[in-house]
Amino acid sequence: MKKLYLIIVSPEKLLFNGEVESVTLPGSAGSFTILPQHAPIVSSLTAGRFVYVTNGEEHTSNIQGGFVEMNNNQVTVCVE
């Protein structure tokens, strides 16, 4: 199965750094999911639920906002 590389950072520290199957984020225009080989994207994030799946296990967190960039199968998320 193809994977994405996910980096999650906050102003205080690195929260996650590793391979995942998918990432679902609360975008400004609504929730969206990023899968492997997704087209490049940059988006602001709003308050809501952030979900990523790694090794078939779902991990969730509530965020207050932030930004996401997807490029070359790497997702970088800066959250508040």
PDB file of N, CA and C in Angstrom:
ATOM      1  N   MET A   1       0.835  -1.182   0.000  1.00  0.00           N
ATOM      2  CA  MET A   1       0.000   0.000   0.000  1.00  0.00           C
ATOM      3  C   MET A   1       0.881   1.247   0.000  1.00  0.00           C
ATOM      4  N   LYS A   2       0.538   2.196  -0.848  1.00  0.00           N
ATOM      5  CA  LYS A   2       1.278   3.447  -0.900  1.00  0.00           C
ATOM      6  C   LYS A   2       1.023   4.250   0.362  1.00  0.00           C
ATOM      7  N   LYS A   3       2.028   5.026   0.758  1.00  0.00           N
ATOM      8  CA  LYS A   3       1.919   5.828   1.972  1.00  0.00           C
ATOM      9  C   LYS A   3       2.323   7.270   1.693  1.00  0.00           C
ATOM     10  N   LEU A   4       1.935   8.122   2.618  1.00  0.00           N
ATOM     11  CA  LEU A   4       2.324   9.529   2.644  1.00  0.00           C
ATOM     12  C   LEU A   4       3.336   9.707   3.766  1.00  0.00           C
ATOM     13  N   TYR A   5       4.129  10.750   3.669  1.00  0.00           N
ATOM     14  CA  TYR A   5       4.993  11.107   4.784  1.00  0.00           C
ATOM     15  C   TYR A   5       4.361  12.322   5.442  1.00  0.00           C
ATOM     16  N   LEU A   6       4.081  12.250   6.743  1.00  0.00           N
ATOM     17  CA  LEU A   6       3.391  13.310   7.477  1.00  0.00           C
ATOM     18  C   LEU A   6       4.290  13.908   8.544  1.00  0.00           C
ATOM     19  N   ILE A   7       4.346  15.238   8.560  1.00  0.00           N
ATOM     20  CA  ILE A   7       5.045  15.977   9.603  1.00  0.00           C
ATOM     21  C   ILE A   7       4.022  16.918  10.228  1.00  0.00           C
ATOM     22  N   ILE A   8       3.852  16.832  11.546  1.00  0.00           N
ATOM     23  CA  ILE A   8       2.941  17.715  12.267  1.00  0.00           C
ATOM     24  C   ILE A   8       3.771  18.512  13.271  1.00  0.00           C
ATOM     25  N   VAL A   9       3.691  19.837  13.182  1.00  0.00           N
ATOM     26  CA  VAL A   9       4.421  20.700  14.108  1.00  0.00           C
ATOM     27  C   VAL A   9       3.469  21.703  14.746  1.00  0.00           C
ATOM     28  N   SER A  10       3.798  22.088  15.977  1.00  0.00           N
ATOM     29  CA  SER A  10       3.096  23.162  16.667  1.00  0.00           C
ATOM     30  C   SER A  10       4.155  24.219  16.975  1.00  0.00           C
ATOM     31  N   PRO A  11       3.750  25.384  17.461  1.00  0.00           N
ATOM     32  CA  PRO A  11       4.761  26.383  17.819  1.00  0.00           C
ATOM     33  C   PRO A  11       5.733  25.878  18.898  1.00  0.00           C
ATOM     34  N   GLU A  12       5.313  24.908  19.689  1.00  0.00           N
ATOM     35  CA  GLU A  12       6.144  24.422  20.788  1.00  0.00           C
ATOM     36  C   GLU A  12       7.066  23.269  20.419  1.00  0.00           C
ATOM     37  N   LYS A  13       6.580  22.351  19.517  1.00  0.00           N
ATOM     38  CA  LYS A  13       7.379  21.148  19.280  1.00  0.00           C
ATOM     39  C   LYS A  13       6.906  20.366  18.062  1.00  0.00           C
ATOM     40  N   LEU A  14       7.692  19.366  17.694  1.00  0.00           N
ATOM     41  CA  LEU A  14       7.328  18.396  16.671  1.00  0.00           C
ATOM     42  C   LEU A  14       6.355  17.406  17.301  1.00  0.00           C
ATOM     43  N   LEU A  15       5.165  17.230  16.692  1.00  0.00           N
ATOM     44  CA  LEU A  15       4.144  16.352  17.250  1.00  0.00           C
ATOM     45  C   LEU A  15       4.133  14.963  16.625  1.00  0.00           C
ATOM     46  N   PHE A  16       4.463  14.885  15.328  1.00  0.00           N
ATOM     47  CA  PHE A  16       4.485  13.585  14.640  1.00  0.00           C
ATOM     48  C   PHE A  16       5.364  13.704  13.414  1.00  0.00           C
ATOM     49  N   ASN A  17       6.049  12.603  13.102  1.00  0.00           N
ATOM     50  CA  ASN A  17       6.928  12.563  11.947  1.00  0.00           C
ATOM     51  C   ASN A  17       6.981  11.105  11.488  1.00  0.00           C
ATOM     52  N   GLY A  18       6.259  10.742  10.414  1.00  0.00           N
ATOM     53  CA  GLY A  18       6.267   9.358   9.969  1.00  0.00           C
ATOM     54  C   GLY A  18       5.332   9.093   8.810  1.00  0.00           C
ATOM     55  N   GLU A  19       5.257   7.823   8.418  1.00  0.00           N
ATOM     56  CA  GLU A  19       4.409   7.415   7.302  1.00  0.00           C
ATOM     57  C   GLU A  19       2.973   7.181   7.753  1.00  0.00           C
ATOM     58  N   VAL A  20       2.029   7.575   6.904  1.00  0.00           N
ATOM     59  CA  VAL A  20       0.599   7.397   7.167  1.00  0.00           C
ATOM     60  C   VAL A  20      -0.093   6.969   5.883  1.00  0.00           C
ATOM     61  N   GLU A  21      -1.313   6.436   6.042  1.00  0.00           N
ATOM     62  CA  GLU A  21      -2.121   6.058   4.880  1.00  0.00           C
ATOM     63  C   GLU A  21      -2.998   7.201   4.389  1.00  0.00           C
ATOM     64  N   SER A  22      -3.471   8.047   5.319  1.00  0.00           N
ATOM     65  CA  SER A  22      -4.332   9.175   4.947  1.00  0.00           C
ATOM     66  C   SER A  22      -4.317  10.227   6.046  1.00  0.00           C
ATOM     67  N   VAL A  23      -4.719  11.442   5.652  1.00  0.00           N
ATOM     68  CA  VAL A  23      -4.811  12.572   6.578  1.00  0.00           C
ATOM     69  C   VAL A  23      -6.110  13.298   6.271  1.00  0.00           C
ATOM     70  N   THR A  24      -6.945  13.551   7.276  1.00  0.00           N
ATOM     71  CA  THR A  24      -8.178  14.315   7.108  1.00  0.00           C
ATOM     72  C   THR A  24      -8.082  15.565   7.967  1.00  0.00           C
ATOM     73  N   LEU A  25      -8.338  16.709   7.337  1.00  0.00           N
ATOM     74  CA  LEU A  25      -8.125  18.004   7.983  1.00  0.00           C
ATOM     75  C   LEU A  25      -9.353  18.900   7.853  1.00  0.00           C
ATOM     76  N   PRO A  26      -9.538  19.821   8.828  1.00  0.00           N
ATOM     77  CA  PRO A  26     -10.642  20.778   8.745  1.00  0.00           C
ATOM     78  C   PRO A  26     -10.212  22.018   7.957  1.00  0.00           C
ATOM     79  N   GLY A  27     -10.410  22.010   6.657  1.00  0.00           N
ATOM     80  CA  GLY A  27     -10.023  23.136   5.808  1.00  0.00           C
ATOM     81  C   GLY A  27     -10.997  24.295   5.905  1.00  0.00           C
ATOM     82  N   SER A  28     -10.574  25.444   5.431  1.00  0.00           N
ATOM     83  CA  SER A  28     -11.409  26.650   5.463  1.00  0.00           C
ATOM     84  C   SER A  28     -12.689  26.485   4.649  1.00  0.00           C
ATOM     85  N   ALA A  29     -12.646  25.666   3.594  1.00  0.00           N
ATOM     86  CA  ALA A  29     -13.826  25.434   2.751  1.00  0.00           C
ATOM     87  C   ALA A  29     -14.521  24.120   3.100  1.00  0.00           C
ATOM     88  N   GLY A  30     -14.110  23.483   4.198  1.00  0.00           N
ATOM     89  CA  GLY A  30     -14.699  22.213   4.615  1.00  0.00           C
ATOM     90  C   GLY A  30     -13.629  21.162   4.822  1.00  0.00           C
ATOM     91  N   SER A  31     -14.009  20.083   5.446  1.00  0.00           N
ATOM     92  CA  SER A  31     -13.085  18.994   5.734  1.00  0.00           C
ATOM     93  C   SER A  31     -12.652  18.312   4.437  1.00  0.00           C
ATOM     94  N   PHE A  32     -11.374  17.902   4.374  1.00  0.00           N
ATOM     95  CA  PHE A  32     -10.877  17.207   3.190  1.00  0.00           C
ATOM     96  C   PHE A  32      -9.854  16.159   3.604  1.00  0.00           C
ATOM     97  N   THR A  33      -9.696  15.149   2.749  1.00  0.00           N
ATOM     98  CA  THR A  33      -8.776  14.044   3.006  1.00  0.00           C
ATOM     99  C   THR A  33      -7.676  14.032   1.958  1.00  0.00           C
ATOM    100  N   ILE A  34      -6.465  13.814   2.428  1.00  0.00           N
ATOM    101  CA  ILE A  34      -5.307  13.692   1.544  1.00  0.00           C
ATOM    102  C   ILE A  34      -4.875  12.233   1.553  1.00  0.00           C
ATOM    103  N   LEU A  35      -4.754  11.663   0.348  1.00  0.00           N
ATOM    104  CA  LEU A  35      -4.316  10.284   0.158  1.00  0.00           C
ATOM    105  C   LEU A  35      -2.993  10.289  -0.603  1.00  0.00           C
ATOM    106  N   PRO A  36      -2.285   9.154  -0.640  1.00  0.00           N
ATOM    107  CA  PRO A  36      -1.040   9.098  -1.412  1.00  0.00           C
ATOM    108  C   PRO A  36      -1.254   9.553  -2.858  1.00  0.00           C
ATOM    109  N   GLN A  37      -0.250  10.236  -3.388  1.00  0.00           N
ATOM    110  CA  GLN A  37      -0.235  10.765  -4.755  1.00  0.00           C
ATOM    111  C   GLN A  37      -1.222  11.908  -4.970  1.00  0.00           C
ATOM    112  N   HIS A  38      -1.702  12.546  -3.895  1.00  0.00           N
ATOM    113  CA  HIS A  38      -2.598  13.705  -3.997  1.00  0.00           C
ATOM    114  C   HIS A  38      -1.875  14.841  -4.721  1.00  0.00           C
ATOM    115  N   ALA A  39      -2.620  15.640  -5.435  1.00  0.00           N
ATOM    116  CA  ALA A  39      -2.042  16.806  -6.107  1.00  0.00           C
ATOM    117  C   ALA A  39      -1.499  17.785  -5.066  1.00  0.00           C
ATOM    118  N   PRO A  40      -0.491  18.571  -5.433  1.00  0.00           N
ATOM    119  CA  PRO A  40       0.032  19.576  -4.495  1.00  0.00           C
ATOM    120  C   PRO A  40      -1.079  20.523  -4.057  1.00  0.00           C
ATOM    121  N   ILE A  41      -1.027  20.913  -2.780  1.00  0.00           N
ATOM    122  CA  ILE A  41      -2.040  21.799  -2.223  1.00  0.00           C
ATOM    123  C   ILE A  41      -1.444  22.579  -1.053  1.00  0.00           C
ATOM    124  N   VAL A  42      -1.919  23.802  -0.881  1.00  0.00           N
ATOM    125  CA  VAL A  42      -1.626  24.602   0.309  1.00  0.00           C
ATOM    126  C   VAL A  42      -2.969  25.125   0.766  1.00  0.00           C
ATOM    127  N   SER A  43      -3.265  24.985   2.076  1.00  0.00           N
ATOM    128  CA  SER A  43      -4.563  25.416   2.582  1.00  0.00           C
ATOM    129  C   SER A  43      -4.440  25.884   4.024  1.00  0.00           C
ATOM    130  N   SER A  44      -5.282  26.834   4.380  1.00  0.00           N
ATOM    131  CA  SER A  44      -5.406  27.206   5.789  1.00  0.00           C
ATOM    132  C   SER A  44      -6.366  26.220   6.446  1.00  0.00           C
ATOM    133  N   LEU A  45      -6.220  26.055   7.740  1.00  0.00           N
ATOM    134  CA  LEU A  45      -7.066  25.143   8.512  1.00  0.00           C
ATOM    135  C   LEU A  45      -7.852  25.922   9.546  1.00  0.00           C
ATOM    136  N   THR A  46      -9.043  25.433   9.851  1.00  0.00           N
ATOM    137  CA  THR A  46      -9.878  26.052  10.876  1.00  0.00           C
ATOM    138  C   THR A  46      -9.939  25.131  12.089  1.00  0.00           C
ATOM    139  N   ALA A  47     -10.613  25.567  13.110  1.00  0.00           N
ATOM    140  CA  ALA A  47     -10.802  24.725  14.296  1.00  0.00           C
ATOM    141  C   ALA A  47     -11.612  23.495  13.902  1.00  0.00           C
ATOM    142  N   GLY A  48     -11.184  22.350  14.389  1.00  0.00           N
ATOM    143  CA  GLY A  48     -11.893  21.122  14.068  1.00  0.00           C
ATOM    144  C   GLY A  48     -11.070  19.891  14.377  1.00  0.00           C
ATOM    145  N   ARG A  49     -11.506  18.777  13.821  1.00  0.00           N
ATOM    146  CA  ARG A  49     -10.884  17.475  14.084  1.00  0.00           C
ATOM    147  C   ARG A  49      -9.876  17.118  12.994  1.00  0.00           C
ATOM    148  N   PHE A  50      -8.690  16.750  13.417  1.00  0.00           N
ATOM    149  CA  PHE A  50      -7.578  16.331  12.560  1.00  0.00           C
ATOM    150  C   PHE A  50      -7.451  14.822  12.758  1.00  0.00           C
ATOM    151  N   VAL A  51      -7.453  14.060  11.659  1.00  0.00           N
ATOM    152  CA  VAL A  51      -7.372  12.597  11.746  1.00  0.00           C
ATOM    153  C   VAL A  51      -6.287  12.100  10.801  1.00  0.00           C
ATOM    154  N   TYR A  52      -5.430  11.206  11.296  1.00  0.00           N
ATOM    155  CA  TYR A  52      -4.506  10.519  10.401  1.00  0.00           C
ATOM    156  C   TYR A  52      -4.500   9.041  10.733  1.00  0.00           C
ATOM    157  N   VAL A  53      -4.264   8.217   9.701  1.00  0.00           N
ATOM    158  CA  VAL A  53      -4.288   6.768   9.847  1.00  0.00           C
ATOM    159  C   VAL A  53      -2.885   6.240   9.569  1.00  0.00           C
ATOM    160  N   THR A  54      -2.357   5.478  10.526  1.00  0.00           N
ATOM    161  CA  THR A  54      -1.058   4.856  10.368  1.00  0.00           C
ATOM    162  C   THR A  54      -1.148   3.406  10.834  1.00  0.00           C
ATOM    163  N   ASN A  55      -0.652   2.501  10.000  1.00  0.00           N
ATOM    164  CA  ASN A  55      -0.722   1.059  10.279  1.00  0.00           C
ATOM    165  C   ASN A  55      -2.149   0.607  10.593  1.00  0.00           C
ATOM    166  N   GLY A  56      -3.125   1.189   9.897  1.00  0.00           N
ATOM    167  CA  GLY A  56      -4.527   0.833  10.069  1.00  0.00           C
ATOM    168  C   GLY A  56      -5.172   1.404  11.316  1.00  0.00           C
ATOM    169  N   GLU A  57      -4.437   2.170  12.110  1.00  0.00           N
ATOM    170  CA  GLU A  57      -4.951   2.745  13.352  1.00  0.00           C
ATOM    171  C   GLU A  57      -5.225   4.238  13.175  1.00  0.00           C
ATOM    172  N   GLU A  58      -6.430   4.668  13.562  1.00  0.00           N
ATOM    173  CA  GLU A  58      -6.836   6.062  13.434  1.00  0.00           C
ATOM    174  C   GLU A  58      -6.405   6.858  14.661  1.00  0.00           C
ATOM    175  N   HIS A  59      -5.784   8.019  14.408  1.00  0.00           N
ATOM    176  CA  HIS A  59      -5.365   8.929  15.480  1.00  0.00           C
ATOM    177  C   HIS A  59      -6.095  10.251  15.265  1.00  0.00           C
ATOM    178  N   THR A  60      -6.701  10.798  16.315  1.00  0.00           N
ATOM    179  CA  THR A  60      -7.443  12.045  16.175  1.00  0.00           C
ATOM    180  C   THR A  60      -6.948  13.081  17.171  1.00  0.00           C
ATOM    181  N   SER A  61      -7.141  14.317  16.788  1.00  0.00           N
ATOM    182  CA  SER A  61      -6.779  15.437  17.647  1.00  0.00           C
ATOM    183  C   SER A  61      -7.641  16.624  17.249  1.00  0.00           C
ATOM    184  N   ASN A  62      -7.982  17.458  18.201  1.00  0.00           N
ATOM    185  CA  ASN A  62      -8.696  18.695  17.896  1.00  0.00           C
ATOM    186  C   ASN A  62      -7.671  19.808  17.761  1.00  0.00           C
ATOM    187  N   ILE A  63      -7.822  20.617  16.708  1.00  0.00           N
ATOM    188  CA  ILE A  63      -6.913  21.732  16.493  1.00  0.00           C
ATOM    189  C   ILE A  63      -7.707  23.033  16.472  1.00  0.00           C
ATOM    190  N   GLN A  64      -7.005  24.135  16.663  1.00  0.00           N
ATOM    191  CA  GLN A  64      -7.641  25.452  16.657  1.00  0.00           C
ATOM    192  C   GLN A  64      -7.430  26.190  15.348  1.00  0.00           C
ATOM    193  N   GLY A  65      -6.648  25.596  14.458  1.00  0.00           N
ATOM    194  CA  GLY A  65      -6.367  26.212  13.159  1.00  0.00           C
ATOM    195  C   GLY A  65      -4.944  25.899  12.755  1.00  0.00           C
ATOM    196  N   GLY A  66      -4.541  26.434  11.615  1.00  0.00           N
ATOM    197  CA  GLY A  66      -3.185  26.225  11.144  1.00  0.00           C
ATOM    198  C   GLY A  66      -3.110  26.244   9.631  1.00  0.00           C
ATOM    199  N   PHE A  67      -2.075  25.571   9.100  1.00  0.00           N
ATOM    200  CA  PHE A  67      -1.832  25.505   7.660  1.00  0.00           C
ATOM    201  C   PHE A  67      -1.357  24.116   7.280  1.00  0.00           C
ATOM    202  N   VAL A  68      -1.600  23.726   6.028  1.00  0.00           N
ATOM    203  CA  VAL A  68      -1.125  22.438   5.517  1.00  0.00           C
ATOM    204  C   VAL A  68      -0.539  22.650   4.122  1.00  0.00           C
ATOM    205  N   GLU A  69       0.528  21.900   3.836  1.00  0.00           N
ATOM    206  CA  GLU A  69       1.101  21.870   2.501  1.00  0.00           C
ATOM    207  C   GLU A  69       1.307  20.416   2.107  1.00  0.00           C
ATOM    208  N   MET A  70       0.863  20.061   0.908  1.00  0.00           N
ATOM    209  CA  MET A  70       1.081  18.720   0.349  1.00  0.00           C
ATOM    210  C   MET A  70       1.908  18.896  -0.909  1.00  0.00           C
ATOM    211  N   ASN A  71       3.055  18.197  -0.970  1.00  0.00           N
ATOM    212  CA  ASN A  71       3.899  18.263  -2.148  1.00  0.00           C
ATOM    213  C   ASN A  71       4.816  17.049  -2.163  1.00  0.00           C
ATOM    214  N   ASN A  72       4.938  16.398  -3.319  1.00  0.00           N
ATOM    215  CA  ASN A  72       5.819  15.230  -3.474  1.00  0.00           C
ATOM    216  C   ASN A  72       5.544  14.134  -2.442  1.00  0.00           C
ATOM    217  N   ASN A  73       4.273  13.878  -2.192  1.00  0.00           N
ATOM    218  CA  ASN A  73       3.833  12.822  -1.267  1.00  0.00           C
ATOM    219  C   ASN A  73       4.231  13.085   0.190  1.00  0.00           C
ATOM    220  N   GLN A  74       4.515  14.346   0.510  1.00  0.00           N
ATOM    221  CA  GLN A  74       4.806  14.744   1.891  1.00  0.00           C
ATOM    222  C   GLN A  74       3.794  15.796   2.324  1.00  0.00           C
ATOM    223  N   VAL A  75       3.176  15.558   3.481  1.00  0.00           N
ATOM    224  CA  VAL A  75       2.201  16.481   4.050  1.00  0.00           C
ATOM    225  C   VAL A  75       2.845  17.137   5.269  1.00  0.00           C
ATOM    226  N   THR A  76       2.912  18.467   5.256  1.00  0.00           N
ATOM    227  CA  THR A  76       3.446  19.209   6.395  1.00  0.00           C
ATOM    228  C   THR A  76       2.303  20.037   6.964  1.00  0.00           C
ATOM    229  N   VAL A  77       2.030  19.841   8.268  1.00  0.00           N
ATOM    230  CA  VAL A  77       0.926  20.522   8.926  1.00  0.00           C
ATOM    231  C   VAL A  77       1.465  21.308  10.104  1.00  0.00           C
ATOM    232  N   CYS A  78       1.143  22.585  10.153  1.00  0.00           N
ATOM    233  CA  CYS A  78       1.472  23.445  11.293  1.00  0.00           C
ATOM    234  C   CYS A  78       0.157  23.750  11.995  1.00  0.00           C
ATOM    235  N   VAL A  79       0.024  23.324  13.246  1.00  0.00           N
ATOM    236  CA  VAL A  79      -1.240  23.474  13.971  1.00  0.00           C
ATOM    237  C   VAL A  79      -1.077  24.357  15.203  1.00  0.00           C
ATOM    238  N   GLU A  80      -2.198  24.930  15.602  1.00  0.00           N
ATOM    239  CA  GLU A  80      -2.259  25.703  16.847  1.00  0.00           C
ATOM    240  C   GLU A  80      -2.889  24.852  17.909  1.00  0.00           C
TER     241      GLU A  80
END
